[in-house]
Amino acid sequence: MQLEAYEIIERLGEDKFAAIFNGLTRKMRTMLESMFVKKRKGRLVSLKSRKKDRPQAAKKVWLGLQDESGNQYADEILRAYFFERRELLKTALDFFEIPNEDGITNQELTALEQADAETLRTLFDALVSKEFDPLDIALYLVFLKTEHAFDLAEVREFFER
């Protein structure tokens, strides 16, 4: 099973998406809010987001991203999220001996994307032992469309419905 970015966002659930949304740059939150939140009678209203309004804004953005038309934005949100988790990416890439600079690479990810279930289990356990969030690990494996990600019980637990 492989999920598109908008399907990943939907399956994350409202609370986890809100945490991701709140961690985005103000510029990105403002852009998303302008698309999914701040419309009134066909006109945009003030885009100055107040912290107290963020839970409602996050919910509206989360709901707005849950179809194919939101896939590009969902993809960018997940990329931004992982940019802030480069240590996780670096550790995973190092595990597969994929050259990278602090988790950023231009190399093919074939070894990671096509890893068998046993290798992914070893990677998952190694990352958990380094105290990375199991949901972030599962999210990364699913986002990369790793062929055997759903062979891991933790991934199924987070993303299957």
Protein backbone atom coordinates (compact mmCIF):
# COMPACT_ATOMS: atom_id res chain seq x y z
CA MET A 1 0.00 0.00 0.00
CA GLN A 2 1.28 3.44 -0.87
CA LEU A 3 -0.36 6.65 0.23
CA GLU A 4 -0.35 10.03 -1.43
CA ALA A 5 0.59 13.03 0.71
CA TYR A 6 -3.03 14.17 1.16
CA GLU A 7 -3.96 10.67 2.39
CA ILE A 8 -1.07 10.73 4.87
CA ILE A 9 -2.22 14.11 6.20
CA GLU A 10 -5.77 12.82 6.61
CA ARG A 11 -4.67 9.66 8.41
CA LEU A 12 -2.37 11.55 10.77
CA GLY A 13 -5.42 12.87 12.54
CA GLU A 14 -6.34 16.34 13.64
CA ASP A 15 -4.07 16.53 16.71
CA LYS A 16 -0.85 15.42 15.01
CA PHE A 17 -1.59 17.65 12.02
CA ALA A 18 -2.13 20.60 14.39
CA ALA A 19 1.32 19.97 15.89
CA ILE A 20 2.83 19.90 12.39
CA PHE A 21 0.87 23.01 11.34
CA ASN A 22 2.00 24.95 14.42
CA GLY A 23 5.62 24.08 13.60
CA LEU A 24 5.44 25.53 10.10
CA THR A 25 6.92 28.91 9.31
CA ARG A 26 4.58 31.86 9.68
CA LYS A 27 4.79 32.46 5.94
CA MET A 28 3.65 28.92 5.17
CA ARG A 29 0.86 29.01 7.77
CA THR A 30 -0.35 32.32 6.34
CA MET A 31 -0.42 30.92 2.82
CA LEU A 32 -2.38 27.84 3.94
CA GLU A 33 -4.77 29.94 6.01
CA SER A 34 -5.42 32.20 3.04
CA MET A 35 -6.46 29.15 1.04
CA PHE A 36 -8.49 27.21 3.60
CA VAL A 37 -9.44 29.48 6.51
CA LYS A 38 -9.70 33.20 5.94
CA LYS A 39 -12.41 33.45 3.31
CA ARG A 40 -15.58 35.31 4.08
CA LYS A 41 -18.21 36.12 1.46
CA GLY A 42 -15.72 35.43 -1.32
CA ARG A 43 -13.18 37.92 0.01
CA LEU A 44 -10.01 37.39 1.95
CA VAL A 45 -9.91 38.87 5.41
CA SER A 46 -6.88 39.76 7.50
CA LEU A 47 -4.16 37.15 7.28
CA LYS A 48 -2.57 38.05 10.61
CA SER A 49 -2.95 34.79 12.46
CA ARG A 50 -3.34 34.96 16.18
CA LYS A 51 -1.95 32.14 18.26
CA LYS A 52 -5.33 31.58 19.94
CA ASP A 53 -6.91 31.03 16.50
CA ARG A 54 -4.40 28.39 15.40
CA PRO A 55 -6.28 25.27 16.60
CA GLN A 56 -9.31 26.22 14.51
CA ALA A 57 -7.11 27.24 11.57
CA ALA A 58 -5.19 23.96 11.76
CA LYS A 59 -8.45 22.01 11.73
CA LYS A 60 -9.73 23.88 8.66
CA VAL A 61 -6.44 23.41 6.80
CA TRP A 62 -6.38 19.72 7.78
CA LEU A 63 -9.90 19.25 6.44
CA GLY A 64 -9.10 21.25 3.31
CA LEU A 65 -6.13 19.07 2.44
CA GLN A 66 -8.04 15.80 2.50
CA ASP A 67 -8.55 15.32 -1.22
CA GLU A 68 -6.40 15.11 -4.33
CA SER A 69 -6.57 18.85 -4.93
CA GLY A 70 -4.59 19.35 -1.70
CA ASN A 71 -1.87 16.84 -2.53
CA GLN A 72 0.76 19.36 -3.62
CA TYR A 73 0.27 21.41 -0.44
CA ALA A 74 0.25 18.29 1.73
CA ASP A 75 3.52 17.22 0.11
CA GLU A 76 5.12 20.61 0.84
CA ILE A 77 3.91 20.53 4.45
CA LEU A 78 5.46 17.10 4.98
CA ARG A 79 8.71 18.19 3.32
CA ALA A 80 8.86 21.23 5.62
CA TYR A 81 8.16 18.99 8.62
CA PHE A 82 10.98 16.63 7.73
CA PHE A 83 13.35 19.51 7.02
CA GLU A 84 13.10 20.21 10.75
CA ARG A 85 13.85 16.53 11.47
CA ARG A 86 17.02 16.20 9.45
CA GLU A 87 18.73 14.20 12.19
CA LEU A 88 16.14 11.44 11.67
CA LEU A 89 16.69 11.61 7.91
CA LYS A 90 20.46 11.61 8.33
CA THR A 91 20.37 8.57 10.59
CA ALA A 92 18.11 6.66 8.17
CA LEU A 93 20.24 7.61 5.16
CA ASP A 94 23.45 6.69 7.00
CA PHE A 95 21.91 3.31 7.86
CA PHE A 96 21.64 2.62 4.12
CA GLU A 97 25.01 4.27 3.42
CA ILE A 98 23.37 6.88 1.21
CA PRO A 99 25.60 9.97 1.00
CA ASN A 100 23.94 12.98 2.59
CA GLU A 101 24.67 16.29 4.21
CA ASP A 102 22.73 16.52 7.45
CA GLY A 103 19.87 14.44 6.04
CA ILE A 104 19.75 16.22 2.69
CA THR A 105 20.71 14.28 -0.43
CA ASN A 106 20.41 14.29 -4.19
CA GLN A 107 21.19 10.59 -4.34
CA GLU A 108 18.73 7.90 -5.35
CA LEU A 109 16.88 6.46 -2.37
CA THR A 110 16.31 3.09 -4.02
CA ALA A 111 18.01 1.14 -1.21
CA LEU A 112 15.64 2.69 1.33
CA GLU A 113 12.52 2.66 -0.84
CA GLN A 114 12.97 -0.99 -1.84
CA ALA A 115 14.27 -2.33 1.48
CA ASP A 116 12.69 -5.59 2.60
CA ALA A 117 10.56 -5.80 5.72
CA GLU A 118 13.35 -7.26 7.85
CA THR A 119 15.72 -4.42 6.96
CA LEU A 120 13.01 -1.85 7.66
CA ARG A 121 12.35 -3.51 11.03
CA THR A 122 16.07 -3.21 11.86
CA LEU A 123 16.05 0.45 10.78
CA PHE A 124 12.87 1.20 12.73
CA ASP A 125 14.27 -0.38 15.91
CA ALA A 126 17.61 1.44 15.47
CA LEU A 127 15.83 4.78 15.10
CA VAL A 128 13.59 4.14 18.12
CA SER A 129 16.68 3.22 20.15
CA LYS A 130 18.07 6.66 19.30
CA GLU A 131 14.86 8.13 20.74
CA PHE A 132 13.24 9.26 17.51
CA ASP A 133 9.45 9.44 17.66
CA PRO A 134 7.96 6.18 16.28
CA LEU A 135 5.22 8.16 14.52
CA ASP A 136 7.83 10.32 12.78
CA ILE A 137 9.67 7.18 11.66
CA ALA A 138 6.48 5.62 10.34
CA LEU A 139 5.53 8.90 8.67
CA TYR A 140 8.92 9.09 6.95
CA LEU A 141 8.71 5.52 5.64
CA VAL A 142 5.18 6.07 4.31
CA PHE A 143 6.02 9.48 2.83
CA LEU A 144 8.93 7.94 0.91
CA LYS A 145 6.53 5.29 -0.39
CA THR A 146 8.81 2.59 0.95
CA GLU A 147 7.57 -0.67 -0.57
CA HIS A 148 7.38 -2.66 2.66
CA ALA A 149 6.52 0.09 5.15
CA PHE A 150 3.11 -1.45 5.87
CA ASP A 151 4.76 -4.74 6.80
CA LEU A 152 5.67 -3.05 10.09
CA ALA A 153 2.94 -3.21 12.73
CA GLU A 154 3.74 0.33 13.93
CA VAL A 155 3.16 1.76 10.46
CA ARG A 156 -0.11 -0.13 10.09
CA GLU A 157 -1.21 1.08 13.52
CA PHE A 158 -0.66 4.72 12.58
CA PHE A 159 -1.87 4.73 8.99
CA GLU A 160 -4.26 1.89 8.13
CA ARG A 161 -7.98 2.44 8.37
